[in-house]
Amino acid sequence: MRVFTPSDLVGKDKAANKYLGVLIAAKHARVLNEFPRDRSSTREKKLTTRSMEELATGSIIYRVVPRRRAE
């Protein structure tokens, strides 16, 4: 299993900081989990690893939406 350092996830076309990078990768893994997977492949990567790799390469597009204030 590959180990991702904070510098792998932060930078241009990536997350703004390491905490945001982890949140983006986790939410992307949830989205990937909704799609059907090929159950015959036993050597398939885990969804979290796959989403971290996609974030490290800069292929995940995201936008930060400001939180609404409670009234």
C-alpha atoms as a PDB file:
ATOM      1  CA  MET A   1       0.000   0.000   0.000  1.00  0.00           C
ATOM      2  CA  ARG A   2       1.305   3.427  -0.922  1.00  0.00           C
ATOM      3  CA  VAL A   3       1.854   5.980   1.819  1.00  0.00           C
ATOM      4  CA  PHE A   4       0.719   9.519   1.013  1.00  0.00           C
ATOM      5  CA  THR A   5       2.516  12.425   2.634  1.00  0.00           C
ATOM      6  CA  PRO A   6       0.917  15.850   3.115  1.00  0.00           C
ATOM      7  CA  SER A   7       3.119  17.259   0.361  1.00  0.00           C
ATOM      8  CA  ASP A   8       1.616  14.704  -2.070  1.00  0.00           C
ATOM      9  CA  LEU A   9      -1.879  16.082  -1.513  1.00  0.00           C
ATOM     10  CA  VAL A  10      -1.157  19.812  -1.323  1.00  0.00           C
ATOM     11  CA  GLY A  11      -0.200  22.045  -4.205  1.00  0.00           C
ATOM     12  CA  LYS A  12      -1.346  23.476  -7.488  1.00  0.00           C
ATOM     13  CA  ASP A  13      -4.422  21.631  -8.887  1.00  0.00           C
ATOM     14  CA  LYS A  14      -4.645  19.785  -5.572  1.00  0.00           C
ATOM     15  CA  ALA A  15      -6.000  20.640  -2.133  1.00  0.00           C
ATOM     16  CA  ALA A  16      -5.193  23.919  -0.418  1.00  0.00           C
ATOM     17  CA  ASN A  17      -4.006  22.186   2.776  1.00  0.00           C
ATOM     18  CA  LYS A  18      -3.580  18.648   4.089  1.00  0.00           C
ATOM     19  CA  TYR A  19      -6.816  18.641   6.101  1.00  0.00           C
ATOM     20  CA  LEU A  20      -8.855  19.688   3.083  1.00  0.00           C
ATOM     21  CA  GLY A  21      -7.056  17.019   1.048  1.00  0.00           C
ATOM     22  CA  VAL A  22      -8.154  14.281   3.432  1.00  0.00           C
ATOM     23  CA  LEU A  23     -11.752  15.531   3.396  1.00  0.00           C
ATOM     24  CA  ILE A  24     -11.837  15.684  -0.406  1.00  0.00           C
ATOM     25  CA  ALA A  25     -10.389  12.179  -0.735  1.00  0.00           C
ATOM     26  CA  ALA A  26     -12.873  10.770   1.796  1.00  0.00           C
ATOM     27  CA  LYS A  27     -15.875  12.331   0.058  1.00  0.00           C
ATOM     28  CA  HIS A  28     -14.601  11.131  -3.320  1.00  0.00           C
ATOM     29  CA  ALA A  29     -14.232   7.596  -1.936  1.00  0.00           C
ATOM     30  CA  ARG A  30     -17.886   7.742  -0.849  1.00  0.00           C
ATOM     31  CA  VAL A  31     -18.881   8.724  -4.374  1.00  0.00           C
ATOM     32  CA  LEU A  32     -16.799   5.892  -5.829  1.00  0.00           C
ATOM     33  CA  ASN A  33     -18.493   3.462  -3.446  1.00  0.00           C
ATOM     34  CA  GLU A  34     -21.881   4.217  -5.056  1.00  0.00           C
ATOM     35  CA  PHE A  35     -20.752   2.849  -8.415  1.00  0.00           C
ATOM     36  CA  PRO A  36     -20.858  -0.915  -9.076  1.00  0.00           C
ATOM     37  CA  ARG A  37     -17.475  -2.605  -8.884  1.00  0.00           C
ATOM     38  CA  ASP A  38     -16.045  -5.606 -10.656  1.00  0.00           C
ATOM     39  CA  ARG A  39     -16.245  -8.320  -7.987  1.00  0.00           C
ATOM     40  CA  SER A  40     -14.115 -10.776  -9.989  1.00  0.00           C
ATOM     41  CA  SER A  41     -10.969  -8.703  -9.508  1.00  0.00           C
ATOM     42  CA  THR A  42      -9.413  -9.631  -6.169  1.00  0.00           C
ATOM     43  CA  ARG A  43      -6.440  -7.258  -6.526  1.00  0.00           C
ATOM     44  CA  GLU A  44      -8.550  -4.123  -6.894  1.00  0.00           C
ATOM     45  CA  LYS A  45      -7.262  -1.103  -4.963  1.00  0.00           C
ATOM     46  CA  LYS A  46      -9.185   0.166  -1.985  1.00  0.00           C
ATOM     47  CA  LEU A  47     -11.412   3.124  -2.720  1.00  0.00           C
ATOM     48  CA  THR A  48      -9.582   5.402  -0.304  1.00  0.00           C
ATOM     49  CA  THR A  49      -6.237   4.592  -1.937  1.00  0.00           C
ATOM     50  CA  ARG A  50      -7.714   5.172  -5.365  1.00  0.00           C
ATOM     51  CA  SER A  51      -9.178   8.544  -4.364  1.00  0.00           C
ATOM     52  CA  MET A  52      -5.886   9.655  -2.735  1.00  0.00           C
ATOM     53  CA  GLU A  53      -4.025   8.754  -5.934  1.00  0.00           C
ATOM     54  CA  GLU A  54      -6.510  10.733  -8.020  1.00  0.00           C
ATOM     55  CA  LEU A  55      -6.146  13.721  -5.705  1.00  0.00           C
ATOM     56  CA  ALA A  56      -2.342  13.481  -5.830  1.00  0.00           C
ATOM     57  CA  THR A  57      -2.405  13.537  -9.644  1.00  0.00           C
ATOM     58  CA  GLY A  58      -4.815  16.477  -9.659  1.00  0.00           C
ATOM     59  CA  SER A  59      -7.642  14.704 -11.487  1.00  0.00           C
ATOM     60  CA  ILE A  60     -10.307  15.493  -8.852  1.00  0.00           C
ATOM     61  CA  ILE A  61     -12.128  18.771  -9.435  1.00  0.00           C
ATOM     62  CA  TYR A  62     -13.759  20.271  -6.341  1.00  0.00           C
ATOM     63  CA  ARG A  63     -15.040  23.555  -4.991  1.00  0.00           C
ATOM     64  CA  VAL A  64     -15.361  24.728  -1.419  1.00  0.00           C
ATOM     65  CA  VAL A  65     -18.855  25.892  -0.469  1.00  0.00           C
ATOM     66  CA  PRO A  66     -19.010  28.226   2.543  1.00  0.00           C
ATOM     67  CA  ARG A  67     -21.029  26.943   5.457  1.00  0.00           C
ATOM     68  CA  ARG A  68     -24.307  28.666   6.238  1.00  0.00           C
ATOM     69  CA  ARG A  69     -24.598  30.335   9.615  1.00  0.00           C
ATOM     70  CA  ALA A  70     -27.251  28.983  11.947  1.00  0.00           C
ATOM     71  CA  GLU A  71     -29.955  31.491  12.697  1.00  0.00           C
END
